[in-house]
Amino acid sequence: MNLFNFDKGKSDFKKILEEQAKREAAYIKMSAAELAELSDDELFNAAWVRTDKIASLKENMIEGFNSLSEAQRIFYAVYLLEMEVNNGGLCQFFVNSSRMVAPIVSECMGIIGASEHKNLFNTFINKYQIDLCDLASFNCETAEAYASQYERYPFEEYDNAFYTLEPLQGYLTSFVKNHTDKF
């Protein structure tokens, strides 16, 4: 007995990807007025798609970031922090290329009204004297090097506290609602 129909699963997955591609193409073409009409989830997704599209057209992440509007930079920086922490923790944020926004992410969280997140981040950074302008020591080429980063600081202390806070997505969505003309 075959419990799984893998051909049907591939077909369903392909449909999902095609539908997602259509939505993303529509997001790119929307006016600010059309963006304002979207549901919160769609608005958040549209802001990410539009911001990432602009940033990814450049040769590297720094050039891409610099090509964004100020509102998009704020969105991008906070989005990168939330994505990395949710997928691997603050250590992953510092190890990956997303660390390039580390020097501004606190200010960006303040701008979008995420004061608890900002305070948590600043407290951790200050307590462990992490220099956000020099994160070269977080460069990792191997899994062992990445694992050793967790021994340097008690990242789980930050991560566990972060997970108790309201997700940053809500703050980001509110920010985008107030700045749809910048996306």
N, C-alpha and C. Protein backbone atom coordinates (compact mmCIF):
# COMPACT_ATOMS: atom_id res chain seq x y z
N MET A 1 0.84 -1.18 0.00
CA MET A 1 0.00 0.00 0.00
C MET A 1 0.88 1.24 0.00
N ASN A 2 0.62 2.18 -0.90
CA ASN A 2 1.38 3.41 -1.02
C ASN A 2 0.61 4.53 -0.30
N LEU A 3 1.12 4.94 0.85
CA LEU A 3 0.45 5.96 1.64
C LEU A 3 0.64 7.37 1.07
N PHE A 4 1.69 7.54 0.31
CA PHE A 4 2.02 8.86 -0.21
C PHE A 4 2.04 8.84 -1.73
N ASN A 5 1.40 9.78 -2.31
CA ASN A 5 1.43 9.94 -3.75
C ASN A 5 2.39 11.10 -4.04
N PHE A 6 3.65 10.75 -4.28
CA PHE A 6 4.67 11.78 -4.46
C PHE A 6 4.45 12.59 -5.73
N ASP A 7 3.90 11.98 -6.77
CA ASP A 7 3.64 12.75 -7.99
C ASP A 7 2.60 13.83 -7.73
N LYS A 8 1.55 13.49 -6.99
CA LYS A 8 0.53 14.49 -6.65
C LYS A 8 1.15 15.57 -5.77
N GLY A 9 1.98 15.19 -4.84
CA GLY A 9 2.64 16.16 -3.97
C GLY A 9 3.50 17.13 -4.75
N LYS A 10 4.24 16.64 -5.73
CA LYS A 10 5.07 17.51 -6.57
C LYS A 10 4.19 18.48 -7.35
N SER A 11 3.09 17.98 -7.86
CA SER A 11 2.17 18.81 -8.62
C SER A 11 1.57 19.91 -7.74
N ASP A 12 1.14 19.56 -6.54
CA ASP A 12 0.58 20.53 -5.60
C ASP A 12 1.62 21.58 -5.23
N PHE A 13 2.83 21.13 -4.99
CA PHE A 13 3.91 22.04 -4.61
C PHE A 13 4.22 23.00 -5.76
N LYS A 14 4.23 22.47 -6.96
CA LYS A 14 4.48 23.30 -8.13
C LYS A 14 3.39 24.37 -8.26
N LYS A 15 2.14 24.00 -8.02
CA LYS A 15 1.03 24.95 -8.07
C LYS A 15 1.21 26.06 -7.03
N ILE A 16 1.59 25.66 -5.86
CA ILE A 16 1.81 26.63 -4.78
C ILE A 16 2.90 27.62 -5.17
N LEU A 17 3.99 27.11 -5.72
CA LEU A 17 5.09 27.99 -6.14
C LEU A 17 4.66 28.93 -7.26
N GLU A 18 3.88 28.41 -8.20
CA GLU A 18 3.39 29.24 -9.31
C GLU A 18 2.47 30.34 -8.79
N GLU A 19 1.59 30.00 -7.86
CA GLU A 19 0.69 31.00 -7.27
C GLU A 19 1.47 32.06 -6.50
N GLN A 20 2.48 31.62 -5.78
CA GLN A 20 3.32 32.56 -5.04
C GLN A 20 4.04 33.50 -6.00
N ALA A 21 4.56 32.98 -7.08
CA ALA A 21 5.24 33.81 -8.08
C ALA A 21 4.28 34.84 -8.67
N LYS A 22 3.04 34.46 -8.92
CA LYS A 22 2.04 35.39 -9.45
C LYS A 22 1.75 36.50 -8.44
N ARG A 23 1.60 36.11 -7.16
CA ARG A 23 1.34 37.12 -6.12
C ARG A 23 2.50 38.09 -6.03
N GLU A 24 3.72 37.56 -6.06
CA GLU A 24 4.90 38.41 -5.95
C GLU A 24 4.99 39.37 -7.13
N ALA A 25 4.70 38.89 -8.33
CA ALA A 25 4.72 39.76 -9.51
C ALA A 25 3.66 40.86 -9.37
N ALA A 26 2.51 40.53 -8.82
CA ALA A 26 1.46 41.52 -8.60
C ALA A 26 1.89 42.55 -7.56
N TYR A 27 2.54 42.09 -6.48
CA TYR A 27 3.02 43.01 -5.44
C TYR A 27 3.97 44.05 -6.03
N ILE A 28 4.84 43.62 -6.91
CA ILE A 28 5.85 44.50 -7.50
C ILE A 28 5.17 45.63 -8.27
N LYS A 29 4.07 45.34 -8.92
CA LYS A 29 3.40 46.32 -9.79
C LYS A 29 2.42 47.22 -9.05
N MET A 30 2.12 46.95 -7.80
CA MET A 30 1.09 47.69 -7.08
C MET A 30 1.50 49.13 -6.76
N SER A 31 0.51 49.99 -6.81
CA SER A 31 0.70 51.38 -6.38
C SER A 31 0.61 51.43 -4.85
N ALA A 32 0.97 52.57 -4.28
CA ALA A 32 0.86 52.74 -2.83
C ALA A 32 -0.59 52.59 -2.38
N ALA A 33 -1.52 53.10 -3.18
CA ALA A 33 -2.95 52.98 -2.84
C ALA A 33 -3.37 51.52 -2.83
N GLU A 34 -2.89 50.74 -3.78
CA GLU A 34 -3.22 49.31 -3.82
C GLU A 34 -2.60 48.57 -2.64
N LEU A 35 -1.38 48.95 -2.28
CA LEU A 35 -0.74 48.34 -1.11
C LEU A 35 -1.57 48.59 0.14
N ALA A 36 -2.06 49.80 0.28
CA ALA A 36 -2.84 50.17 1.46
C ALA A 36 -4.12 49.36 1.60
N GLU A 37 -4.59 48.78 0.52
CA GLU A 37 -5.83 47.98 0.53
C GLU A 37 -5.59 46.53 0.96
N LEU A 38 -4.35 46.11 1.03
CA LEU A 38 -4.03 44.71 1.34
C LEU A 38 -4.29 44.39 2.81
N SER A 39 -4.52 43.11 3.09
CA SER A 39 -4.59 42.64 4.48
C SER A 39 -3.21 42.81 5.10
N ASP A 40 -3.14 42.74 6.41
CA ASP A 40 -1.86 42.90 7.10
C ASP A 40 -0.81 41.90 6.61
N ASP A 41 -1.20 40.63 6.52
CA ASP A 41 -0.24 39.61 6.08
C ASP A 41 0.23 39.87 4.65
N GLU A 42 -0.72 40.22 3.79
CA GLU A 42 -0.34 40.50 2.40
C GLU A 42 0.53 41.75 2.31
N LEU A 43 0.21 42.76 3.09
CA LEU A 43 1.01 43.99 3.09
C LEU A 43 2.43 43.70 3.53
N PHE A 44 2.57 42.93 4.59
CA PHE A 44 3.90 42.56 5.06
C PHE A 44 4.66 41.81 3.97
N ASN A 45 4.01 40.83 3.36
CA ASN A 45 4.66 40.06 2.29
C ASN A 45 5.01 40.94 1.11
N ALA A 46 4.11 41.83 0.74
CA ALA A 46 4.38 42.74 -0.37
C ALA A 46 5.57 43.65 -0.07
N ALA A 47 5.62 44.17 1.14
CA ALA A 47 6.75 45.04 1.52
C ALA A 47 8.06 44.27 1.43
N TRP A 48 8.05 43.03 1.90
CA TRP A 48 9.27 42.23 1.83
C TRP A 48 9.66 41.96 0.38
N VAL A 49 8.71 41.54 -0.44
CA VAL A 49 9.00 41.22 -1.84
C VAL A 49 9.54 42.45 -2.55
N ARG A 50 8.90 43.59 -2.37
CA ARG A 50 9.33 44.81 -3.05
C ARG A 50 10.71 45.27 -2.57
N THR A 51 10.94 45.18 -1.27
CA THR A 51 12.23 45.59 -0.71
C THR A 51 13.33 44.65 -1.16
N ASP A 52 13.08 43.36 -1.05
CA ASP A 52 14.09 42.38 -1.44
C ASP A 52 14.40 42.46 -2.94
N LYS A 53 13.39 42.73 -3.75
CA LYS A 53 13.58 42.85 -5.20
C LYS A 53 14.58 43.97 -5.50
N ILE A 54 14.42 45.11 -4.87
CA ILE A 54 15.32 46.24 -5.09
C ILE A 54 16.73 45.89 -4.60
N ALA A 55 16.80 45.36 -3.39
CA ALA A 55 18.11 45.05 -2.79
C ALA A 55 18.86 43.98 -3.58
N SER A 56 18.14 43.00 -4.09
CA SER A 56 18.81 41.88 -4.76
C SER A 56 19.28 42.22 -6.17
N LEU A 57 18.88 43.37 -6.69
CA LEU A 57 19.34 43.78 -8.02
C LEU A 57 20.80 44.24 -8.01
N LYS A 58 21.31 44.52 -6.85
CA LYS A 58 22.69 45.00 -6.72
C LYS A 58 23.66 43.83 -6.57
N GLU A 59 24.92 44.14 -6.77
CA GLU A 59 25.94 43.09 -6.77
C GLU A 59 26.18 42.46 -5.41
N ASN A 60 26.05 43.26 -4.35
CA ASN A 60 26.27 42.70 -3.01
C ASN A 60 25.25 43.30 -2.04
N MET A 61 25.22 42.75 -0.86
CA MET A 61 24.21 43.11 0.13
C MET A 61 24.31 44.58 0.55
N ILE A 62 25.51 45.09 0.69
CA ILE A 62 25.69 46.48 1.11
C ILE A 62 25.16 47.43 0.04
N GLU A 63 25.52 47.19 -1.22
CA GLU A 63 25.00 48.02 -2.31
C GLU A 63 23.48 47.92 -2.38
N GLY A 64 22.96 46.72 -2.21
CA GLY A 64 21.52 46.52 -2.23
C GLY A 64 20.85 47.30 -1.11
N PHE A 65 21.40 47.21 0.07
CA PHE A 65 20.85 47.93 1.22
C PHE A 65 20.87 49.43 0.97
N ASN A 66 21.97 49.93 0.46
CA ASN A 66 22.10 51.36 0.21
C ASN A 66 21.18 51.86 -0.89
N SER A 67 20.67 50.96 -1.74
CA SER A 67 19.77 51.37 -2.82
C SER A 67 18.32 51.50 -2.35
N LEU A 68 18.04 51.11 -1.13
CA LEU A 68 16.68 51.17 -0.58
C LEU A 68 16.35 52.56 -0.07
N SER A 69 15.06 52.86 -0.02
CA SER A 69 14.62 54.10 0.63
C SER A 69 14.88 53.96 2.14
N GLU A 70 14.83 55.05 2.86
CA GLU A 70 15.05 54.99 4.30
C GLU A 70 14.04 54.07 4.98
N ALA A 71 12.78 54.18 4.59
CA ALA A 71 11.74 53.31 5.18
C ALA A 71 12.03 51.85 4.87
N GLN A 72 12.47 51.56 3.66
CA GLN A 72 12.80 50.18 3.30
C GLN A 72 14.01 49.67 4.08
N ARG A 73 14.99 50.54 4.32
CA ARG A 73 16.17 50.13 5.12
C ARG A 73 15.74 49.76 6.55
N ILE A 74 14.85 50.56 7.11
CA ILE A 74 14.36 50.27 8.47
C ILE A 74 13.66 48.91 8.47
N PHE A 75 12.77 48.72 7.52
CA PHE A 75 12.04 47.45 7.38
C PHE A 75 13.02 46.29 7.21
N TYR A 76 13.96 46.43 6.30
CA TYR A 76 14.91 45.37 5.96
C TYR A 76 15.76 44.98 7.17
N ALA A 77 16.27 45.98 7.88
CA ALA A 77 17.13 45.70 9.04
C ALA A 77 16.38 44.92 10.11
N VAL A 78 15.18 45.36 10.44
CA VAL A 78 14.41 44.69 11.49
C VAL A 78 13.94 43.32 11.00
N TYR A 79 13.56 43.23 9.74
CA TYR A 79 13.15 41.94 9.18
C TYR A 79 14.31 40.94 9.27
N LEU A 80 15.52 41.36 8.92
CA LEU A 80 16.66 40.45 8.98
C LEU A 80 16.91 39.95 10.39
N LEU A 81 16.82 40.85 11.37
CA LEU A 81 17.00 40.42 12.77
C LEU A 81 15.95 39.38 13.13
N GLU A 82 14.68 39.68 12.86
CA GLU A 82 13.62 38.75 13.26
C GLU A 82 13.78 37.40 12.54
N MET A 83 14.06 37.45 11.25
CA MET A 83 14.20 36.21 10.48
C MET A 83 15.34 35.35 11.04
N GLU A 84 16.48 35.97 11.28
CA GLU A 84 17.64 35.21 11.77
C GLU A 84 17.40 34.67 13.17
N VAL A 85 16.86 35.49 14.07
CA VAL A 85 16.62 35.02 15.43
C VAL A 85 15.61 33.88 15.42
N ASN A 86 14.56 34.00 14.62
CA ASN A 86 13.56 32.94 14.55
C ASN A 86 14.07 31.67 13.90
N ASN A 87 15.09 31.78 13.07
CA ASN A 87 15.61 30.60 12.37
C ASN A 87 16.87 30.01 12.98
N GLY A 88 17.52 30.72 13.86
CA GLY A 88 18.75 30.18 14.43
C GLY A 88 19.29 30.96 15.60
N GLY A 89 18.63 32.05 15.94
CA GLY A 89 19.03 32.81 17.10
C GLY A 89 19.88 34.03 16.77
N LEU A 90 20.15 34.82 17.79
CA LEU A 90 20.95 36.02 17.64
C LEU A 90 22.34 35.69 17.12
N CYS A 91 22.88 34.56 17.53
CA CYS A 91 24.20 34.16 17.03
C CYS A 91 24.17 34.05 15.51
N GLN A 92 23.12 33.47 14.97
CA GLN A 92 23.00 33.34 13.51
C GLN A 92 22.96 34.72 12.86
N PHE A 93 22.29 35.67 13.48
CA PHE A 93 22.24 37.04 12.97
C PHE A 93 23.65 37.60 12.84
N PHE A 94 24.48 37.36 13.86
CA PHE A 94 25.85 37.88 13.85
C PHE A 94 26.78 37.11 12.91
N VAL A 95 26.52 35.84 12.73
CA VAL A 95 27.38 35.01 11.88
C VAL A 95 27.08 35.23 10.40
N ASN A 96 25.83 35.40 10.05
CA ASN A 96 25.45 35.56 8.65
C ASN A 96 25.69 36.99 8.17
N SER A 97 25.55 37.20 6.88
CA SER A 97 25.78 38.52 6.29
C SER A 97 24.80 39.57 6.82
N SER A 98 23.72 39.12 7.44
CA SER A 98 22.75 40.04 8.02
C SER A 98 23.39 40.93 9.08
N ARG A 99 24.53 40.53 9.60
CA ARG A 99 25.19 41.32 10.64
C ARG A 99 25.55 42.72 10.17
N MET A 100 25.54 42.94 8.87
CA MET A 100 25.88 44.27 8.37
C MET A 100 24.90 45.33 8.88
N VAL A 101 23.67 44.94 9.24
CA VAL A 101 22.70 45.91 9.76
C VAL A 101 22.74 46.00 11.28
N ALA A 102 23.60 45.24 11.92
CA ALA A 102 23.66 45.24 13.39
C ALA A 102 23.85 46.63 13.99
N PRO A 103 24.70 47.49 13.41
CA PRO A 103 24.88 48.81 14.03
C PRO A 103 23.64 49.69 14.02
N ILE A 104 22.66 49.40 13.16
CA ILE A 104 21.48 50.27 13.08
C ILE A 104 20.19 49.60 13.53
N VAL A 105 20.23 48.31 13.81
CA VAL A 105 18.99 47.59 14.07
C VAL A 105 18.29 48.08 15.34
N SER A 106 19.02 48.49 16.34
CA SER A 106 18.41 49.01 17.56
C SER A 106 17.63 50.29 17.27
N GLU A 107 18.26 51.20 16.56
CA GLU A 107 17.59 52.45 16.19
C GLU A 107 16.35 52.16 15.35
N CYS A 108 16.47 51.22 14.44
CA CYS A 108 15.33 50.87 13.58
C CYS A 108 14.17 50.29 14.40
N MET A 109 14.48 49.46 15.40
CA MET A 109 13.42 48.94 16.25
C MET A 109 12.74 50.06 17.02
N GLY A 110 13.51 51.07 17.43
CA GLY A 110 12.93 52.22 18.09
C GLY A 110 12.00 52.99 17.17
N ILE A 111 12.39 53.15 15.92
CA ILE A 111 11.58 53.89 14.95
C ILE A 111 10.24 53.21 14.71
N ILE A 112 10.23 51.88 14.68
CA ILE A 112 8.96 51.19 14.42
C ILE A 112 8.15 50.96 15.70
N GLY A 113 8.68 51.39 16.84
CA GLY A 113 7.93 51.30 18.09
C GLY A 113 8.14 50.01 18.87
N ALA A 114 9.13 49.22 18.49
CA ALA A 114 9.39 47.95 19.18
C ALA A 114 10.37 48.18 20.33
N SER A 115 9.93 48.94 21.33
CA SER A 115 10.83 49.35 22.41
C SER A 115 11.30 48.18 23.28
N GLU A 116 10.44 47.20 23.52
CA GLU A 116 10.89 46.05 24.31
C GLU A 116 11.99 45.27 23.58
N HIS A 117 11.82 45.11 22.29
CA HIS A 117 12.84 44.42 21.49
C HIS A 117 14.15 45.22 21.50
N LYS A 118 14.01 46.52 21.34
CA LYS A 118 15.19 47.39 21.35
C LYS A 118 15.91 47.29 22.69
N ASN A 119 15.15 47.35 23.79
CA ASN A 119 15.77 47.26 25.11
C ASN A 119 16.44 45.91 25.33
N LEU A 120 15.80 44.85 24.90
CA LEU A 120 16.40 43.51 25.03
C LEU A 120 17.72 43.44 24.26
N PHE A 121 17.70 43.90 23.04
CA PHE A 121 18.90 43.88 22.20
C PHE A 121 20.01 44.72 22.83
N ASN A 122 19.70 45.96 23.20
CA ASN A 122 20.71 46.84 23.79
C ASN A 122 21.26 46.30 25.10
N THR A 123 20.40 45.75 25.92
CA THR A 123 20.85 45.18 27.19
C THR A 123 21.84 44.05 26.96
N PHE A 124 21.52 43.17 26.03
CA PHE A 124 22.42 42.04 25.73
C PHE A 124 23.75 42.54 25.16
N ILE A 125 23.68 43.45 24.23
CA ILE A 125 24.89 43.98 23.59
C ILE A 125 25.77 44.68 24.62
N ASN A 126 25.16 45.50 25.45
CA ASN A 126 25.93 46.22 26.47
C ASN A 126 26.48 45.30 27.54
N LYS A 127 25.67 44.36 27.99
CA LYS A 127 26.09 43.43 29.05
C LYS A 127 27.31 42.63 28.62
N TYR A 128 27.35 42.21 27.36
CA TYR A 128 28.45 41.38 26.89
C TYR A 128 29.45 42.15 26.03
N GLN A 129 29.32 43.46 26.03
CA GLN A 129 30.25 44.37 25.36
C GLN A 129 30.57 43.93 23.93
N ILE A 130 29.53 43.70 23.16
CA ILE A 130 29.68 43.31 21.77
C ILE A 130 29.76 44.60 20.94
N ASP A 131 30.83 44.73 20.18
CA ASP A 131 31.05 45.90 19.33
C ASP A 131 30.32 45.67 18.00
N LEU A 132 29.18 46.31 17.84
CA LEU A 132 28.37 46.11 16.64
C LEU A 132 29.02 46.64 15.37
N CYS A 133 30.03 47.47 15.52
CA CYS A 133 30.74 48.00 14.35
C CYS A 133 31.94 47.13 13.96
N ASP A 134 32.22 46.13 14.76
CA ASP A 134 33.31 45.21 14.44
C ASP A 134 32.89 43.79 14.82
N LEU A 135 32.22 43.14 13.91
CA LEU A 135 31.74 41.78 14.14
C LEU A 135 32.56 40.75 13.34
N ALA A 136 33.76 41.14 12.95
CA ALA A 136 34.62 40.24 12.17
C ALA A 136 34.91 38.95 12.91
N SER A 137 34.91 39.00 14.22
CA SER A 137 35.19 37.78 14.99
C SER A 137 34.08 36.74 14.84
N PHE A 138 32.97 37.13 14.23
CA PHE A 138 31.87 36.18 14.01
C PHE A 138 31.96 35.49 12.65
N ASN A 139 32.98 35.80 11.87
CA ASN A 139 33.15 35.11 10.59
C ASN A 139 33.37 33.63 10.84
N CYS A 140 32.63 32.80 10.14
CA CYS A 140 32.72 31.35 10.30
C CYS A 140 32.78 30.69 8.93
N GLU A 141 33.66 29.74 8.82
CA GLU A 141 33.77 28.98 7.57
C GLU A 141 33.34 27.52 7.74
N THR A 142 33.25 27.07 8.98
CA THR A 142 32.91 25.67 9.23
C THR A 142 31.81 25.56 10.28
N ALA A 143 31.20 24.40 10.33
CA ALA A 143 30.18 24.14 11.34
C ALA A 143 30.78 24.19 12.74
N GLU A 144 32.01 23.75 12.87
CA GLU A 144 32.68 23.78 14.18
C GLU A 144 32.90 25.22 14.64
N ALA A 145 33.29 26.07 13.70
CA ALA A 145 33.51 27.48 14.03
C ALA A 145 32.19 28.14 14.44
N TYR A 146 31.13 27.77 13.73
CA TYR A 146 29.81 28.30 14.08
C TYR A 146 29.41 27.84 15.48
N ALA A 147 29.59 26.57 15.77
CA ALA A 147 29.24 26.03 17.09
C ALA A 147 30.04 26.72 18.19
N SER A 148 31.28 27.06 17.90
CA SER A 148 32.11 27.70 18.93
C SER A 148 31.62 29.11 19.26
N GLN A 149 30.88 29.73 18.34
CA GLN A 149 30.34 31.06 18.62
C GLN A 149 29.37 31.02 19.80
N TYR A 150 28.66 29.91 19.94
CA TYR A 150 27.70 29.78 21.03
C TYR A 150 28.38 29.71 22.39
N GLU A 151 29.66 29.37 22.40
CA GLU A 151 30.40 29.31 23.66
C GLU A 151 30.87 30.69 24.11
N ARG A 152 30.90 31.63 23.20
CA ARG A 152 31.40 32.98 23.52
C ARG A 152 30.42 33.78 24.36
N TYR A 153 29.14 33.65 24.04
CA TYR A 153 28.10 34.42 24.71
C TYR A 153 26.89 33.53 24.97
N PRO A 154 26.12 33.84 25.99
CA PRO A 154 24.90 33.05 26.27
C PRO A 154 23.74 33.49 25.38
N PHE A 155 23.84 33.18 24.10
CA PHE A 155 22.83 33.62 23.14
C PHE A 155 21.43 33.12 23.47
N GLU A 156 21.35 31.94 24.08
CA GLU A 156 20.02 31.42 24.41
C GLU A 156 19.31 32.34 25.40
N GLU A 157 20.06 33.08 26.20
CA GLU A 157 19.46 34.06 27.12
C GLU A 157 18.67 35.10 26.31
N TYR A 158 19.29 35.64 25.28
CA TYR A 158 18.61 36.61 24.42
C TYR A 158 17.47 35.95 23.65
N ASP A 159 17.77 34.83 23.02
CA ASP A 159 16.78 34.15 22.17
C ASP A 159 15.51 33.81 22.95
N ASN A 160 15.67 33.24 24.12
CA ASN A 160 14.50 32.85 24.92
C ASN A 160 13.65 34.07 25.30
N ALA A 161 14.30 35.16 25.65
CA ALA A 161 13.57 36.38 25.99
C ALA A 161 12.89 36.96 24.73
N PHE A 162 13.57 36.90 23.60
CA PHE A 162 13.02 37.40 22.34
C PHE A 162 11.74 36.66 21.99
N TYR A 163 11.74 35.34 22.17
CA TYR A 163 10.59 34.53 21.80
C TYR A 163 9.36 34.81 22.67
N THR A 164 9.55 35.44 23.82
CA THR A 164 8.41 35.78 24.68
C THR A 164 7.75 37.10 24.26
N LEU A 165 8.43 37.87 23.45
CA LEU A 165 7.91 39.16 23.01
C LEU A 165 6.97 39.00 21.81
N GLU A 166 6.15 40.00 21.61
CA GLU A 166 5.28 40.02 20.43
C GLU A 166 6.17 40.00 19.18
N PRO A 167 5.81 39.25 18.16
CA PRO A 167 6.64 39.21 16.95
C PRO A 167 6.83 40.60 16.33
N LEU A 168 8.00 40.83 15.80
CA LEU A 168 8.31 42.11 15.17
C LEU A 168 7.48 42.35 13.92
N GLN A 169 6.94 41.30 13.33
CA GLN A 169 6.16 41.45 12.11
C GLN A 169 5.01 42.44 12.28
N GLY A 170 4.35 42.43 13.43
CA GLY A 170 3.26 43.36 13.68
C GLY A 170 3.73 44.81 13.66
N TYR A 171 4.87 45.07 14.28
CA TYR A 171 5.43 46.42 14.28
C TYR A 171 5.81 46.83 12.86
N LEU A 172 6.41 45.89 12.14
CA LEU A 172 6.81 46.18 10.76
C LEU A 172 5.60 46.46 9.88
N THR A 173 4.54 45.69 10.06
CA THR A 173 3.34 45.90 9.25
C THR A 173 2.73 47.27 9.54
N SER A 174 2.67 47.65 10.79
CA SER A 174 2.16 48.99 11.14
C SER A 174 3.03 50.08 10.53
N PHE A 175 4.33 49.87 10.57
CA PHE A 175 5.26 50.83 9.98
C PHE A 175 5.01 50.97 8.47
N VAL A 176 4.86 49.85 7.79
CA VAL A 176 4.62 49.87 6.35
C VAL A 176 3.30 50.57 6.05
N LYS A 177 2.26 50.30 6.85
CA LYS A 177 0.95 50.96 6.65
C LYS A 177 1.10 52.49 6.67
N ASN A 178 1.98 52.96 7.53
CA ASN A 178 2.17 54.40 7.66
C ASN A 178 3.14 54.98 6.62
N HIS A 179 3.76 54.10 5.83
CA HIS A 179 4.75 54.55 4.84
C HIS A 179 4.60 53.83 3.51
N THR A 180 3.39 53.48 3.12
CA THR A 180 3.21 52.70 1.89
C THR A 180 3.79 53.40 0.67
N ASP A 181 3.81 54.72 0.68
CA ASP A 181 4.37 55.45 -0.45
C ASP A 181 5.89 55.30 -0.56
N LYS A 182 6.53 54.76 0.46
CA LYS A 182 7.98 54.56 0.45
C LYS A 182 8.37 53.14 0.05
N PHE A 183 7.36 52.31 -0.18
CA PHE A 183 7.61 50.93 -0.56
C PHE A 183 7.22 50.68 -1.99
